Amino acid sequence: MTNTPTRTKKLIKLAKEYYELPDGVIIDKPDQLLRVARVKNTKHAKHPHRDFRIYISRRALKHVVEVRRKELSKKHTEAQILLKICFAIEQIPEVIKNFDKYEYEYEPGKHFYTKNYRGEPSIRVLCEQRDIEKSMLQICSIHFRKPQKAT
């Protein structure tokens, strides 16, 4: 995490704190939005959200940590789980800026960004555009997807 931006380091620190909490614990300021990144310097000339700001609420971050911890605990050690969750959080800007796959579901207005990693599960970030007037996306969830087999 040497080249990790300060914002992302703060998200990872907060995720580690949430990791230590039991499931269902109420957190302070759950609706507070935390800035993740701005969509600039992307490899996609026609990025669907160029110059948008990306945010995640404390509630959504805690949800990601709780659900992925439970999901990954079936096949991984505690240390591996925390590393995977931190890696996914660290990669959010890269996944959204330089995605390998973008999907949009008109109803109810969900944006899915997926980035593939060699030999690792893909990371899929689900976002919503909550306010049409503002150029911002809010992350709802982050998922791991099994690598697709070449056909």
C-alpha atoms as a PDB file:
ATOM      1  CA  MET A   1       0.000   0.000   0.000  1.00  0.00           C
ATOM      2  CA  THR A   2       2.943   2.354  -0.482  1.00  0.00           C
ATOM      3  CA  ASN A   3       1.380   4.286  -3.390  1.00  0.00           C
ATOM      4  CA  THR A   4      -2.099   4.211  -1.907  1.00  0.00           C
ATOM      5  CA  PRO A   5      -3.807   7.619  -1.737  1.00  0.00           C
ATOM      6  CA  THR A   6      -4.554   9.029   1.724  1.00  0.00           C
ATOM      7  CA  ARG A   7      -8.328   8.711   1.192  1.00  0.00           C
ATOM      8  CA  THR A   8      -7.985   5.023   0.459  1.00  0.00           C
ATOM      9  CA  LYS A   9      -5.708   4.497   3.469  1.00  0.00           C
ATOM     10  CA  LYS A  10      -8.416   6.045   5.664  1.00  0.00           C
ATOM     11  CA  LEU A  11     -11.044   3.717   4.173  1.00  0.00           C
ATOM     12  CA  ILE A  12      -8.821   0.696   4.812  1.00  0.00           C
ATOM     13  CA  LYS A  13      -8.199   1.810   8.397  1.00  0.00           C
ATOM     14  CA  LEU A  14     -11.934   2.187   8.965  1.00  0.00           C
ATOM     15  CA  ALA A  15     -12.612  -1.194   7.335  1.00  0.00           C
ATOM     16  CA  LYS A  16     -10.111  -2.808   9.732  1.00  0.00           C
ATOM     17  CA  GLU A  17     -11.977  -1.232  12.649  1.00  0.00           C
ATOM     18  CA  TYR A  18     -15.285  -2.579  11.319  1.00  0.00           C
ATOM     19  CA  TYR A  19     -13.692  -5.989  10.816  1.00  0.00           C
ATOM     20  CA  GLU A  20     -13.096  -6.223  14.571  1.00  0.00           C
ATOM     21  CA  LEU A  21     -16.724  -5.420  15.418  1.00  0.00           C
ATOM     22  CA  PRO A  22     -19.362  -8.128  15.854  1.00  0.00           C
ATOM     23  CA  ASP A  23     -22.037  -8.272  13.135  1.00  0.00           C
ATOM     24  CA  GLY A  24     -24.970  -5.945  13.612  1.00  0.00           C
ATOM     25  CA  VAL A  25     -23.249  -3.383  15.835  1.00  0.00           C
ATOM     26  CA  ILE A  26     -24.538   0.137  15.276  1.00  0.00           C
ATOM     27  CA  ILE A  27     -21.798   2.513  14.137  1.00  0.00           C
ATOM     28  CA  ASP A  28     -21.414   6.273  14.531  1.00  0.00           C
ATOM     29  CA  LYS A  29     -22.520   8.445  11.602  1.00  0.00           C
ATOM     30  CA  PRO A  30     -23.657   5.554   9.356  1.00  0.00           C
ATOM     31  CA  ASP A  31     -24.938   7.885   6.616  1.00  0.00           C
ATOM     32  CA  GLN A  32     -21.751   9.947   6.422  1.00  0.00           C
ATOM     33  CA  LEU A  33     -20.317   9.810   2.922  1.00  0.00           C
ATOM     34  CA  LEU A  34     -16.600   9.179   2.571  1.00  0.00           C
ATOM     35  CA  ARG A  35     -14.923  10.314  -0.623  1.00  0.00           C
ATOM     36  CA  VAL A  36     -13.169   7.538  -2.486  1.00  0.00           C
ATOM     37  CA  ALA A  37     -11.946   9.071  -5.749  1.00  0.00           C
ATOM     38  CA  ARG A  38     -12.724  11.194  -8.772  1.00  0.00           C
ATOM     39  CA  VAL A  39     -12.977   9.612 -12.206  1.00  0.00           C
ATOM     40  CA  LYS A  40     -10.061  11.213 -14.029  1.00  0.00           C
ATOM     41  CA  ASN A  41      -7.175   9.830 -16.048  1.00  0.00           C
ATOM     42  CA  THR A  42      -9.102   6.795 -17.247  1.00  0.00           C
ATOM     43  CA  LYS A  43      -8.168   4.520 -20.126  1.00  0.00           C
ATOM     44  CA  HIS A  44     -11.753   4.811 -21.410  1.00  0.00           C
ATOM     45  CA  ALA A  45     -12.267   7.782 -23.737  1.00  0.00           C
ATOM     46  CA  LYS A  46     -16.037   7.517 -23.273  1.00  0.00           C
ATOM     47  CA  HIS A  47     -16.198   6.603 -19.585  1.00  0.00           C
ATOM     48  CA  PRO A  48     -19.868   6.788 -18.501  1.00  0.00           C
ATOM     49  CA  HIS A  49     -18.972   8.794 -15.386  1.00  0.00           C
ATOM     50  CA  ARG A  50     -15.984  10.947 -16.341  1.00  0.00           C
ATOM     51  CA  ASP A  51     -15.317  13.656 -13.742  1.00  0.00           C
ATOM     52  CA  PHE A  52     -17.766  12.096 -11.294  1.00  0.00           C
ATOM     53  CA  ARG A  53     -16.862  11.895  -7.615  1.00  0.00           C
ATOM     54  CA  ILE A  54     -17.158   8.474  -5.997  1.00  0.00           C
ATOM     55  CA  TYR A  55     -18.356   8.096  -2.396  1.00  0.00           C
ATOM     56  CA  ILE A  56     -19.180   5.291   0.019  1.00  0.00           C
ATOM     57  CA  SER A  57     -21.205   5.628   3.201  1.00  0.00           C
ATOM     58  CA  ARG A  58     -19.909   4.268   6.481  1.00  0.00           C
ATOM     59  CA  ARG A  59     -22.933   1.929   6.502  1.00  0.00           C
ATOM     60  CA  ALA A  60     -22.072   0.535   3.052  1.00  0.00           C
ATOM     61  CA  LEU A  61     -18.419   0.065   4.028  1.00  0.00           C
ATOM     62  CA  LYS A  62     -19.425  -1.805   7.181  1.00  0.00           C
ATOM     63  CA  HIS A  63     -21.854  -3.924   5.138  1.00  0.00           C
ATOM     64  CA  VAL A  64     -19.086  -4.857   2.692  1.00  0.00           C
ATOM     65  CA  VAL A  65     -16.766  -5.856   5.535  1.00  0.00           C
ATOM     66  CA  GLU A  66     -19.405  -7.923   7.371  1.00  0.00           C
ATOM     67  CA  VAL A  67     -20.754  -9.747   4.338  1.00  0.00           C
ATOM     68  CA  ARG A  68     -17.369 -10.471   2.717  1.00  0.00           C
ATOM     69  CA  ARG A  69     -15.936 -11.609   6.085  1.00  0.00           C
ATOM     70  CA  LYS A  70     -18.751 -14.145   6.425  1.00  0.00           C
ATOM     71  CA  GLU A  71     -18.525 -15.196   2.770  1.00  0.00           C
ATOM     72  CA  LEU A  72     -14.726 -15.627   2.768  1.00  0.00           C
ATOM     73  CA  SER A  73     -14.582 -17.381   6.152  1.00  0.00           C
ATOM     74  CA  LYS A  74     -15.677 -20.622   4.497  1.00  0.00           C
ATOM     75  CA  LYS A  75     -12.320 -21.097   2.739  1.00  0.00           C
ATOM     76  CA  HIS A  76      -9.841 -18.569   4.173  1.00  0.00           C
ATOM     77  CA  THR A  77      -8.056 -17.749   7.408  1.00  0.00           C
ATOM     78  CA  GLU A  78      -8.769 -14.526   9.317  1.00  0.00           C
ATOM     79  CA  ALA A  79      -5.549 -12.961   8.025  1.00  0.00           C
ATOM     80  CA  GLN A  80      -6.375 -13.882   4.414  1.00  0.00           C
ATOM     81  CA  ILE A  81      -9.895 -12.510   4.731  1.00  0.00           C
ATOM     82  CA  LEU A  82      -8.705  -9.153   6.007  1.00  0.00           C
ATOM     83  CA  LEU A  83      -6.081  -8.927   3.241  1.00  0.00           C
ATOM     84  CA  LYS A  84      -8.685  -9.658   0.561  1.00  0.00           C
ATOM     85  CA  ILE A  85     -11.134  -7.106   1.924  1.00  0.00           C
ATOM     86  CA  CYS A  86      -8.400  -4.455   2.173  1.00  0.00           C
ATOM     87  CA  PHE A  87      -7.232  -5.259  -1.363  1.00  0.00           C
ATOM     88  CA  ALA A  88     -10.768  -4.822  -2.719  1.00  0.00           C
ATOM     89  CA  ILE A  89     -11.127  -1.457  -0.959  1.00  0.00           C
ATOM     90  CA  GLU A  90      -7.714  -0.330  -2.172  1.00  0.00           C
ATOM     91  CA  GLN A  91      -8.695  -1.222  -5.747  1.00  0.00           C
ATOM     92  CA  ILE A  92     -12.003   0.701  -5.862  1.00  0.00           C
ATOM     93  CA  PRO A  93     -10.565   3.689  -7.794  1.00  0.00           C
ATOM     94  CA  GLU A  94      -8.846   1.388 -10.301  1.00  0.00           C
ATOM     95  CA  VAL A  95     -11.959  -0.768 -10.765  1.00  0.00           C
ATOM     96  CA  ILE A  96     -14.147   2.248 -11.524  1.00  0.00           C
ATOM     97  CA  LYS A  97     -11.638   4.273 -13.555  1.00  0.00           C
ATOM     98  CA  ASN A  98     -10.152   1.446 -15.635  1.00  0.00           C
ATOM     99  CA  PHE A  99     -12.849  -1.219 -15.576  1.00  0.00           C
ATOM    100  CA  ASP A 100     -12.793  -4.323 -17.756  1.00  0.00           C
ATOM    101  CA  LYS A 101     -16.587  -4.514 -17.855  1.00  0.00           C
ATOM    102  CA  TYR A 102     -19.330  -1.947 -17.276  1.00  0.00           C
ATOM    103  CA  GLU A 103     -23.001  -2.849 -16.908  1.00  0.00           C
ATOM    104  CA  TYR A 104     -25.996  -0.632 -16.331  1.00  0.00           C
ATOM    105  CA  GLU A 105     -29.395  -1.775 -15.101  1.00  0.00           C
ATOM    106  CA  TYR A 106     -31.953   0.888 -15.946  1.00  0.00           C
ATOM    107  CA  GLU A 107     -34.366  -0.256 -13.255  1.00  0.00           C
ATOM    108  CA  PRO A 108     -33.470   0.616 -10.517  1.00  0.00           C
ATOM    109  CA  GLY A 109     -30.502   2.578 -11.906  1.00  0.00           C
ATOM    110  CA  LYS A 110     -27.513   0.472 -10.850  1.00  0.00           C
ATOM    111  CA  HIS A 111     -24.016   0.785 -12.307  1.00  0.00           C
ATOM    112  CA  PHE A 112     -21.673  -2.221 -12.115  1.00  0.00           C
ATOM    113  CA  TYR A 113     -17.930  -1.909 -12.664  1.00  0.00           C
ATOM    114  CA  THR A 114     -15.824  -5.058 -12.854  1.00  0.00           C
ATOM    115  CA  LYS A 115     -12.046  -5.431 -12.986  1.00  0.00           C
ATOM    116  CA  ASN A 116     -10.371  -8.778 -13.629  1.00  0.00           C
ATOM    117  CA  TYR A 117      -7.194  -9.779 -11.823  1.00  0.00           C
ATOM    118  CA  ARG A 118      -4.965 -12.571 -13.096  1.00  0.00           C
ATOM    119  CA  GLY A 119      -5.277 -15.632 -10.888  1.00  0.00           C
ATOM    120  CA  GLU A 120      -7.542 -13.817  -8.419  1.00  0.00           C
ATOM    121  CA  PRO A 121     -11.268 -13.222  -8.226  1.00  0.00           C
ATOM    122  CA  SER A 122     -12.567 -10.220 -10.121  1.00  0.00           C
ATOM    123  CA  ILE A 123     -13.767  -7.251  -8.115  1.00  0.00           C
ATOM    124  CA  ARG A 124     -17.227  -5.926  -8.925  1.00  0.00           C
ATOM    125  CA  VAL A 125     -18.346  -2.568  -7.538  1.00  0.00           C
ATOM    126  CA  LEU A 126     -22.030  -1.669  -7.470  1.00  0.00           C
ATOM    127  CA  CYS A 127     -22.855   2.063  -7.556  1.00  0.00           C
ATOM    128  CA  GLU A 128     -25.922   4.261  -7.737  1.00  0.00           C
ATOM    129  CA  GLN A 129     -26.278   7.800  -8.958  1.00  0.00           C
ATOM    130  CA  ARG A 130     -28.374   9.156  -6.105  1.00  0.00           C
ATOM    131  CA  ASP A 131     -28.659  12.760  -7.296  1.00  0.00           C
ATOM    132  CA  ILE A 132     -29.005  13.385 -11.017  1.00  0.00           C
ATOM    133  CA  GLU A 133     -27.952  17.034 -10.615  1.00  0.00           C
ATOM    134  CA  LYS A 134     -24.672  16.216  -8.936  1.00  0.00           C
ATOM    135  CA  SER A 135     -21.841  14.396 -10.650  1.00  0.00           C
ATOM    136  CA  MET A 136     -21.440  11.734  -7.994  1.00  0.00           C
ATOM    137  CA  LEU A 137     -21.799   7.993  -7.622  1.00  0.00           C
ATOM    138  CA  GLN A 138     -22.336   6.244  -4.330  1.00  0.00           C
ATOM    139  CA  ILE A 139     -20.952   2.743  -3.798  1.00  0.00           C
ATOM    140  CA  CYS A 140     -23.564   0.328  -2.493  1.00  0.00           C
ATOM    141  CA  SER A 141     -21.527  -2.872  -2.408  1.00  0.00           C
ATOM    142  CA  ILE A 142     -18.336  -4.614  -3.481  1.00  0.00           C
ATOM    143  CA  HIS A 143     -18.274  -8.260  -4.556  1.00  0.00           C
ATOM    144  CA  PHE A 144     -15.706 -10.862  -5.467  1.00  0.00           C
ATOM    145  CA  ARG A 145     -16.484 -12.793  -8.640  1.00  0.00           C
ATOM    146  CA  LYS A 146     -14.835 -16.057  -9.551  1.00  0.00           C
ATOM    147  CA  PRO A 147     -12.458 -15.738 -12.494  1.00  0.00           C
ATOM    148  CA  GLN A 148     -14.098 -16.611 -15.789  1.00  0.00           C
ATOM    149  CA  LYS A 149     -12.614 -19.626 -17.546  1.00  0.00           C
ATOM    150  CA  ALA A 150     -11.327 -18.992 -21.044  1.00  0.00           C
ATOM    151  CA  THR A 151     -13.445 -20.594 -23.744  1.00  0.00           C
END
